[in-house]
Amino acid sequence: MATEMVTLRPATAADAEALADLVVQLYHSEVPRGLRGPRDGQVRLFRYLIEHELLAGVRGRFLAVDAADSPIGSASVRLWGDQLLTSLPPRVLSVATRSLGIADTLRLFGTTLRSALVAETPLRRDECFVYSVVVTEPERGRGVGAAIMEQIEDYARQAGARTALLRVIIGNARARHLYLKLGYHVVSRTPLWADLVGMPSELLRKDLG
């Protein structure tokens, strides 16, 4: 796909279904055993979470669309001073168990707790943190990821960021290769104990100029 055909735009609550499907694809790619249960239930749960986030006014989530306005990817970015979502939506446990079942809900919550062992990446005034970058499966390997990164970096640059940070799960070789190709470099790694109880990852950094 020609990268000029990719448009990254701020997400709205109307995009929650498409975003939820993309987040499910991201989970299956990065943490294959962390999310189970009926596929429609997985999407339903994440749609509920994303709607809560967007309606709460949290900014920074973007949807990538092609020339026909069909969703092909998404990415999020946190700028210095951005509002953080500090609470889960009401009845989230009930929605999760109805969507996934009790056993798969417990498995997902366990995965979430493991990822939470890595502290939130603190930001300086001129930094941004890019996360939840995903390209829909049929479009992978066609330059969409690079186009998404270029546009989200441009958004952050215009907002005053001069440095971009992101985390990549160790073992996600495809994503790591892309980020290194785009000019990111590794600055740190999670402690070795995270290999046993958490999700080992690397922190990458890029000068946005």
C-alpha atoms as a PDB file:
ATOM      1  CA  MET A   1       0.000   0.000   0.000  1.00  0.00           C
ATOM      2  CA  ALA A   2       1.267   3.494  -0.844  1.00  0.00           C
ATOM      3  CA  THR A   3       1.954   5.198   2.470  1.00  0.00           C
ATOM      4  CA  GLU A   4       0.319   8.419   1.247  1.00  0.00           C
ATOM      5  CA  MET A   5      -2.971   6.480   1.266  1.00  0.00           C
ATOM      6  CA  VAL A   6      -2.745   6.058   5.064  1.00  0.00           C
ATOM      7  CA  THR A   7      -4.438   8.726   7.190  1.00  0.00           C
ATOM      8  CA  LEU A   8      -4.046   8.815  10.959  1.00  0.00           C
ATOM      9  CA  ARG A   9      -6.816  10.734  12.704  1.00  0.00           C
ATOM     10  CA  PRO A  10      -7.856  11.255  16.338  1.00  0.00           C
ATOM     11  CA  ALA A  11     -10.236   8.518  17.457  1.00  0.00           C
ATOM     12  CA  THR A  12     -13.778   9.197  18.600  1.00  0.00           C
ATOM     13  CA  ALA A  13     -16.266   7.065  20.501  1.00  0.00           C
ATOM     14  CA  ALA A  14     -17.757   6.083  17.130  1.00  0.00           C
ATOM     15  CA  ASP A  15     -14.471   4.319  16.351  1.00  0.00           C
ATOM     16  CA  ALA A  16     -14.591   2.127  19.473  1.00  0.00           C
ATOM     17  CA  GLU A  17     -15.621  -1.048  17.650  1.00  0.00           C
ATOM     18  CA  ALA A  18     -12.825  -0.762  15.081  1.00  0.00           C
ATOM     19  CA  LEU A  19     -10.286   0.142  17.757  1.00  0.00           C
ATOM     20  CA  ALA A  20     -11.369  -2.791  19.918  1.00  0.00           C
ATOM     21  CA  ASP A  21     -10.848  -5.215  17.045  1.00  0.00           C
ATOM     22  CA  LEU A  22      -7.354  -3.790  16.492  1.00  0.00           C
ATOM     23  CA  VAL A  23      -6.477  -4.063  20.203  1.00  0.00           C
ATOM     24  CA  VAL A  24      -7.563  -7.709  20.139  1.00  0.00           C
ATOM     25  CA  GLN A  25      -5.231  -8.273  17.166  1.00  0.00           C
ATOM     26  CA  LEU A  26      -2.428  -6.568  19.103  1.00  0.00           C
ATOM     27  CA  TYR A  27      -2.968  -8.857  22.099  1.00  0.00           C
ATOM     28  CA  HIS A  28      -2.938 -11.948  19.894  1.00  0.00           C
ATOM     29  CA  SER A  29       0.291 -10.775  18.280  1.00  0.00           C
ATOM     30  CA  GLU A  30       2.179  -9.719  21.421  1.00  0.00           C
ATOM     31  CA  VAL A  31       0.683 -11.928  24.146  1.00  0.00           C
ATOM     32  CA  PRO A  32      -0.840 -14.906  22.317  1.00  0.00           C
ATOM     33  CA  ARG A  33      -1.897 -16.767  25.468  1.00  0.00           C
ATOM     34  CA  GLY A  34      -3.003 -13.703  27.405  1.00  0.00           C
ATOM     35  CA  LEU A  35      -6.380 -13.209  25.755  1.00  0.00           C
ATOM     36  CA  ARG A  36      -8.774 -16.079  25.168  1.00  0.00           C
ATOM     37  CA  GLY A  37     -12.488 -16.664  24.959  1.00  0.00           C
ATOM     38  CA  PRO A  38     -14.932 -15.975  22.116  1.00  0.00           C
ATOM     39  CA  ARG A  39     -13.534 -13.457  19.604  1.00  0.00           C
ATOM     40  CA  ASP A  40     -16.727 -11.400  19.605  1.00  0.00           C
ATOM     41  CA  GLY A  41     -16.582 -11.323  23.406  1.00  0.00           C
ATOM     42  CA  GLN A  42     -12.984 -10.075  23.312  1.00  0.00           C
ATOM     43  CA  VAL A  43     -13.981  -7.233  20.992  1.00  0.00           C
ATOM     44  CA  ARG A  44     -17.038  -6.438  23.139  1.00  0.00           C
ATOM     45  CA  LEU A  45     -14.921  -6.109  26.278  1.00  0.00           C
ATOM     46  CA  PHE A  46     -12.313  -3.839  24.698  1.00  0.00           C
ATOM     47  CA  ARG A  47     -14.985  -1.719  23.047  1.00  0.00           C
ATOM     48  CA  TYR A  48     -16.445  -1.127  26.505  1.00  0.00           C
ATOM     49  CA  LEU A  49     -13.031  -0.135  27.887  1.00  0.00           C
ATOM     50  CA  ILE A  50     -12.162   2.112  24.937  1.00  0.00           C
ATOM     51  CA  GLU A  51     -15.537   3.875  24.996  1.00  0.00           C
ATOM     52  CA  HIS A  52     -14.980   4.650  28.690  1.00  0.00           C
ATOM     53  CA  GLU A  53     -11.526   6.020  27.944  1.00  0.00           C
ATOM     54  CA  LEU A  54     -12.666   8.239  25.064  1.00  0.00           C
ATOM     55  CA  LEU A  55     -15.767   9.527  26.830  1.00  0.00           C
ATOM     56  CA  ALA A  56     -13.615  10.359  29.870  1.00  0.00           C
ATOM     57  CA  GLY A  57     -11.681  12.799  27.685  1.00  0.00           C
ATOM     58  CA  VAL A  58      -8.398  10.915  27.525  1.00  0.00           C
ATOM     59  CA  ARG A  59      -6.666  12.030  24.356  1.00  0.00           C
ATOM     60  CA  GLY A  60      -3.922  10.490  22.277  1.00  0.00           C
ATOM     61  CA  ARG A  61      -5.600   7.459  20.666  1.00  0.00           C
ATOM     62  CA  PHE A  62      -5.574   7.511  16.859  1.00  0.00           C
ATOM     63  CA  LEU A  63      -7.158   5.405  14.124  1.00  0.00           C
ATOM     64  CA  ALA A  64      -5.432   4.785  10.784  1.00  0.00           C
ATOM     65  CA  VAL A  65      -7.682   4.492   7.739  1.00  0.00           C
ATOM     66  CA  ASP A  66      -7.089   3.853   4.044  1.00  0.00           C
ATOM     67  CA  ALA A  67      -8.387   5.820   1.059  1.00  0.00           C
ATOM     68  CA  ALA A  68     -11.807   4.187   1.461  1.00  0.00           C
ATOM     69  CA  ASP A  69     -11.902   5.226   5.161  1.00  0.00           C
ATOM     70  CA  SER A  70     -11.575   1.592   6.253  1.00  0.00           C
ATOM     71  CA  PRO A  71      -9.654   1.003   9.520  1.00  0.00           C
ATOM     72  CA  ILE A  72      -6.193  -0.475   8.929  1.00  0.00           C
ATOM     73  CA  GLY A  73      -4.361   0.306  12.170  1.00  0.00           C
ATOM     74  CA  SER A  74      -4.095   2.437  15.257  1.00  0.00           C
ATOM     75  CA  ALA A  75      -1.589   3.995  17.622  1.00  0.00           C
ATOM     76  CA  SER A  76      -1.606   6.018  20.812  1.00  0.00           C
ATOM     77  CA  VAL A  77       0.691   8.686  22.195  1.00  0.00           C
ATOM     78  CA  ARG A  78       0.995  10.256  25.628  1.00  0.00           C
ATOM     79  CA  LEU A  79       2.418  13.772  25.885  1.00  0.00           C
ATOM     80  CA  TRP A  80       3.862  15.426  28.957  1.00  0.00           C
ATOM     81  CA  GLY A  81       0.976  16.658  31.113  1.00  0.00           C
ATOM     82  CA  ASP A  82      -1.675  14.509  29.445  1.00  0.00           C
ATOM     83  CA  GLN A  83      -4.521  13.244  31.576  1.00  0.00           C
ATOM     84  CA  LEU A  84      -4.155   9.597  32.576  1.00  0.00           C
ATOM     85  CA  LEU A  85      -7.116   7.266  32.985  1.00  0.00           C
ATOM     86  CA  THR A  86      -6.958   6.316  36.647  1.00  0.00           C
ATOM     87  CA  SER A  87     -10.117   4.238  37.041  1.00  0.00           C
ATOM     88  CA  LEU A  88     -11.787   1.335  35.298  1.00  0.00           C
ATOM     89  CA  PRO A  89     -15.342   1.695  34.011  1.00  0.00           C
ATOM     90  CA  PRO A  90     -18.162   0.511  36.266  1.00  0.00           C
ATOM     91  CA  ARG A  91     -19.184  -3.136  36.031  1.00  0.00           C
ATOM     92  CA  VAL A  92     -16.004  -4.020  34.114  1.00  0.00           C
ATOM     93  CA  LEU A  93     -15.708  -7.370  35.912  1.00  0.00           C
ATOM     94  CA  SER A  94     -19.287  -8.226  35.040  1.00  0.00           C
ATOM     95  CA  VAL A  95     -18.785  -7.240  31.396  1.00  0.00           C
ATOM     96  CA  ALA A  96     -15.544  -9.228  31.242  1.00  0.00           C
ATOM     97  CA  THR A  97     -17.017 -12.422  32.681  1.00  0.00           C
ATOM     98  CA  ARG A  98     -20.058 -12.205  30.402  1.00  0.00           C
ATOM     99  CA  SER A  99     -17.791 -11.596  27.393  1.00  0.00           C
ATOM    100  CA  LEU A 100     -14.985 -14.069  28.086  1.00  0.00           C
ATOM    101  CA  GLY A 101     -16.113 -16.386  30.858  1.00  0.00           C
ATOM    102  CA  ILE A 102     -14.668 -16.573  34.364  1.00  0.00           C
ATOM    103  CA  ALA A 103     -11.491 -18.537  33.585  1.00  0.00           C
ATOM    104  CA  ASP A 104     -10.476 -16.382  30.624  1.00  0.00           C
ATOM    105  CA  THR A 105     -11.280 -13.202  32.559  1.00  0.00           C
ATOM    106  CA  LEU A 106      -8.920 -14.302  35.319  1.00  0.00           C
ATOM    107  CA  ARG A 107      -6.270 -15.111  32.714  1.00  0.00           C
ATOM    108  CA  LEU A 108      -6.611 -11.634  31.157  1.00  0.00           C
ATOM    109  CA  PHE A 109      -6.451  -9.909  34.539  1.00  0.00           C
ATOM    110  CA  GLY A 110      -3.331 -11.918  35.331  1.00  0.00           C
ATOM    111  CA  THR A 111      -1.761 -10.776  32.069  1.00  0.00           C
ATOM    112  CA  THR A 112      -2.666  -7.177  32.905  1.00  0.00           C
ATOM    113  CA  LEU A 113      -1.093  -7.453  36.355  1.00  0.00           C
ATOM    114  CA  ARG A 114       2.087  -8.888  34.851  1.00  0.00           C
ATOM    115  CA  SER A 115       2.367  -5.973  32.440  1.00  0.00           C
ATOM    116  CA  ALA A 116       1.736  -3.539  35.308  1.00  0.00           C
ATOM    117  CA  LEU A 117       4.935  -4.723  36.994  1.00  0.00           C
ATOM    118  CA  VAL A 118       6.749  -2.383  34.607  1.00  0.00           C
ATOM    119  CA  ALA A 119       6.334   1.130  36.017  1.00  0.00           C
ATOM    120  CA  GLU A 120       4.669   3.832  33.934  1.00  0.00           C
ATOM    121  CA  THR A 121       7.333   5.536  31.837  1.00  0.00           C
ATOM    122  CA  PRO A 122       7.828   9.058  33.269  1.00  0.00           C
ATOM    123  CA  LEU A 123       8.046  11.905  30.783  1.00  0.00           C
ATOM    124  CA  ARG A 124       9.966  15.149  30.665  1.00  0.00           C
ATOM    125  CA  ARG A 125       8.317  18.214  29.168  1.00  0.00           C
ATOM    126  CA  ASP A 126       9.787  17.605  25.701  1.00  0.00           C
ATOM    127  CA  GLU A 127       9.115  13.846  25.572  1.00  0.00           C
ATOM    128  CA  CYS A 128       6.233  11.682  24.361  1.00  0.00           C
ATOM    129  CA  PHE A 129       5.444   8.000  24.807  1.00  0.00           C
ATOM    130  CA  VAL A 130       4.096   6.011  21.840  1.00  0.00           C
ATOM    131  CA  TYR A 131       2.149   2.821  22.563  1.00  0.00           C
ATOM    132  CA  SER A 132      -0.477   0.368  21.278  1.00  0.00           C
ATOM    133  CA  VAL A 133       0.771   0.519  17.693  1.00  0.00           C
ATOM    134  CA  VAL A 134      -0.960  -2.111  15.568  1.00  0.00           C
ATOM    135  CA  VAL A 135      -1.649  -2.755  11.890  1.00  0.00           C
ATOM    136  CA  THR A 136      -4.556  -4.937  10.862  1.00  0.00           C
ATOM    137  CA  GLU A 137      -3.368  -8.389   9.809  1.00  0.00           C
ATOM    138  CA  PRO A 138      -4.046  -8.144   6.024  1.00  0.00           C
ATOM    139  CA  GLU A 139      -2.033  -4.897   5.774  1.00  0.00           C
ATOM    140  CA  ARG A 140       1.101  -5.976   7.642  1.00  0.00           C
ATOM    141  CA  GLY A 141       4.350  -5.823   5.699  1.00  0.00           C
ATOM    142  CA  ARG A 142       3.040  -3.149   3.313  1.00  0.00           C
ATOM    143  CA  GLY A 143       4.480  -0.002   4.907  1.00  0.00           C
ATOM    144  CA  VAL A 144       1.418   0.900   6.968  1.00  0.00           C
ATOM    145  CA  GLY A 145       3.272   0.676  10.295  1.00  0.00           C
ATOM    146  CA  ALA A 146       5.962   3.082   9.095  1.00  0.00           C
ATOM    147  CA  ALA A 147       3.311   5.493   7.831  1.00  0.00           C
ATOM    148  CA  ILE A 148       1.487   5.384  11.175  1.00  0.00           C
ATOM    149  CA  MET A 149       4.716   6.047  13.071  1.00  0.00           C
ATOM    150  CA  GLU A 150       5.640   8.948  10.800  1.00  0.00           C
ATOM    151  CA  GLN A 151       2.281  10.626  11.348  1.00  0.00           C
ATOM    152  CA  ILE A 152       2.082  10.080  15.094  1.00  0.00           C
ATOM    153  CA  GLU A 153       5.630  11.402  15.491  1.00  0.00           C
ATOM    154  CA  ASP A 154       4.641  14.461  13.460  1.00  0.00           C
ATOM    155  CA  TYR A 155       1.635  15.009  15.746  1.00  0.00           C
ATOM    156  CA  ALA A 156       3.880  14.768  18.816  1.00  0.00           C
ATOM    157  CA  ARG A 157       6.471  17.074  17.236  1.00  0.00           C
ATOM    158  CA  GLN A 158       3.832  19.717  16.540  1.00  0.00           C
ATOM    159  CA  ALA A 159       2.684  19.397  20.173  1.00  0.00           C
ATOM    160  CA  GLY A 160       6.202  20.246  21.343  1.00  0.00           C
ATOM    161  CA  ALA A 161       7.813  16.838  21.798  1.00  0.00           C
ATOM    162  CA  ARG A 162      11.441  16.528  20.757  1.00  0.00           C
ATOM    163  CA  THR A 163      11.979  12.933  21.871  1.00  0.00           C
ATOM    164  CA  ALA A 164       9.806   9.849  21.400  1.00  0.00           C
ATOM    165  CA  LEU A 165       9.888   6.847  23.746  1.00  0.00           C
ATOM    166  CA  LEU A 166       8.223   3.472  23.311  1.00  0.00           C
ATOM    167  CA  ARG A 167       8.368  -0.043  24.735  1.00  0.00           C
ATOM    168  CA  VAL A 168       8.596  -3.216  22.693  1.00  0.00           C
ATOM    169  CA  ILE A 169       8.041  -6.657  24.155  1.00  0.00           C
ATOM    170  CA  ILE A 170      11.148  -8.806  23.863  1.00  0.00           C
ATOM    171  CA  GLY A 171      10.334 -11.452  21.316  1.00  0.00           C
ATOM    172  CA  ASN A 172       8.304  -9.117  19.087  1.00  0.00           C
ATOM    173  CA  ALA A 173      11.073  -9.141  16.493  1.00  0.00           C
ATOM    174  CA  ARG A 174       8.971  -7.658  13.694  1.00  0.00           C
ATOM    175  CA  ALA A 175       8.027  -4.545  15.646  1.00  0.00           C
ATOM    176  CA  ARG A 176      11.526  -4.152  17.050  1.00  0.00           C
ATOM    177  CA  HIS A 177      13.013  -4.321  13.548  1.00  0.00           C
ATOM    178  CA  LEU A 178      10.633  -1.606  12.355  1.00  0.00           C
ATOM    179  CA  TYR A 179      11.417   0.742  15.230  1.00  0.00           C
ATOM    180  CA  LEU A 180      15.173   0.330  14.819  1.00  0.00           C
ATOM    181  CA  LYS A 181      14.805   0.957  11.085  1.00  0.00           C
ATOM    182  CA  LEU A 182      12.890   4.174  11.857  1.00  0.00           C
ATOM    183  CA  GLY A 183      15.745   5.487  14.007  1.00  0.00           C
ATOM    184  CA  TYR A 184      14.875   4.307  17.508  1.00  0.00           C
ATOM    185  CA  HIS A 185      17.595   2.879  19.711  1.00  0.00           C
ATOM    186  CA  VAL A 186      17.467   0.785  22.864  1.00  0.00           C
ATOM    187  CA  VAL A 187      18.131   2.698  26.075  1.00  0.00           C
ATOM    188  CA  SER A 188      17.132   0.157  28.736  1.00  0.00           C
ATOM    189  CA  ARG A 189      15.662  -3.256  29.403  1.00  0.00           C
ATOM    190  CA  THR A 190      13.344  -4.503  32.124  1.00  0.00           C
ATOM    191  CA  PRO A 191      15.126  -6.327  34.985  1.00  0.00           C
ATOM    192  CA  LEU A 192      15.877 -10.001  34.498  1.00  0.00           C
ATOM    193  CA  TRP A 193      13.322 -10.979  37.150  1.00  0.00           C
ATOM    194  CA  ALA A 194      10.659  -9.651  34.768  1.00  0.00           C
ATOM    195  CA  ASP A 195      11.438 -12.600  32.506  1.00  0.00           C
ATOM    196  CA  LEU A 196       9.965 -14.870  35.166  1.00  0.00           C
ATOM    197  CA  VAL A 197       7.015 -12.921  36.568  1.00  0.00           C
ATOM    198  CA  GLY A 198       6.395 -10.054  34.169  1.00  0.00           C
ATOM    199  CA  MET A 199       6.626  -9.180  30.509  1.00  0.00           C
ATOM    200  CA  PRO A 200      10.224  -8.405  29.570  1.00  0.00           C
ATOM    201  CA  SER A 201      10.535  -5.395  27.302  1.00  0.00           C
ATOM    202  CA  GLU A 202      12.974  -2.821  26.010  1.00  0.00           C
ATOM    203  CA  LEU A 203      12.607   0.952  26.198  1.00  0.00           C
ATOM    204  CA  LEU A 204      13.465   2.631  22.888  1.00  0.00           C
ATOM    205  CA  ARG A 205      14.161   6.294  22.197  1.00  0.00           C
ATOM    206  CA  LYS A 206      14.272   8.528  19.129  1.00  0.00           C
ATOM    207  CA  ASP A 207      15.245  12.170  18.620  1.00  0.00           C
ATOM    208  CA  LEU A 208      12.392  13.874  16.787  1.00  0.00           C
ATOM    209  CA  GLY A 209      14.491  16.942  15.956  1.00  0.00           C
END
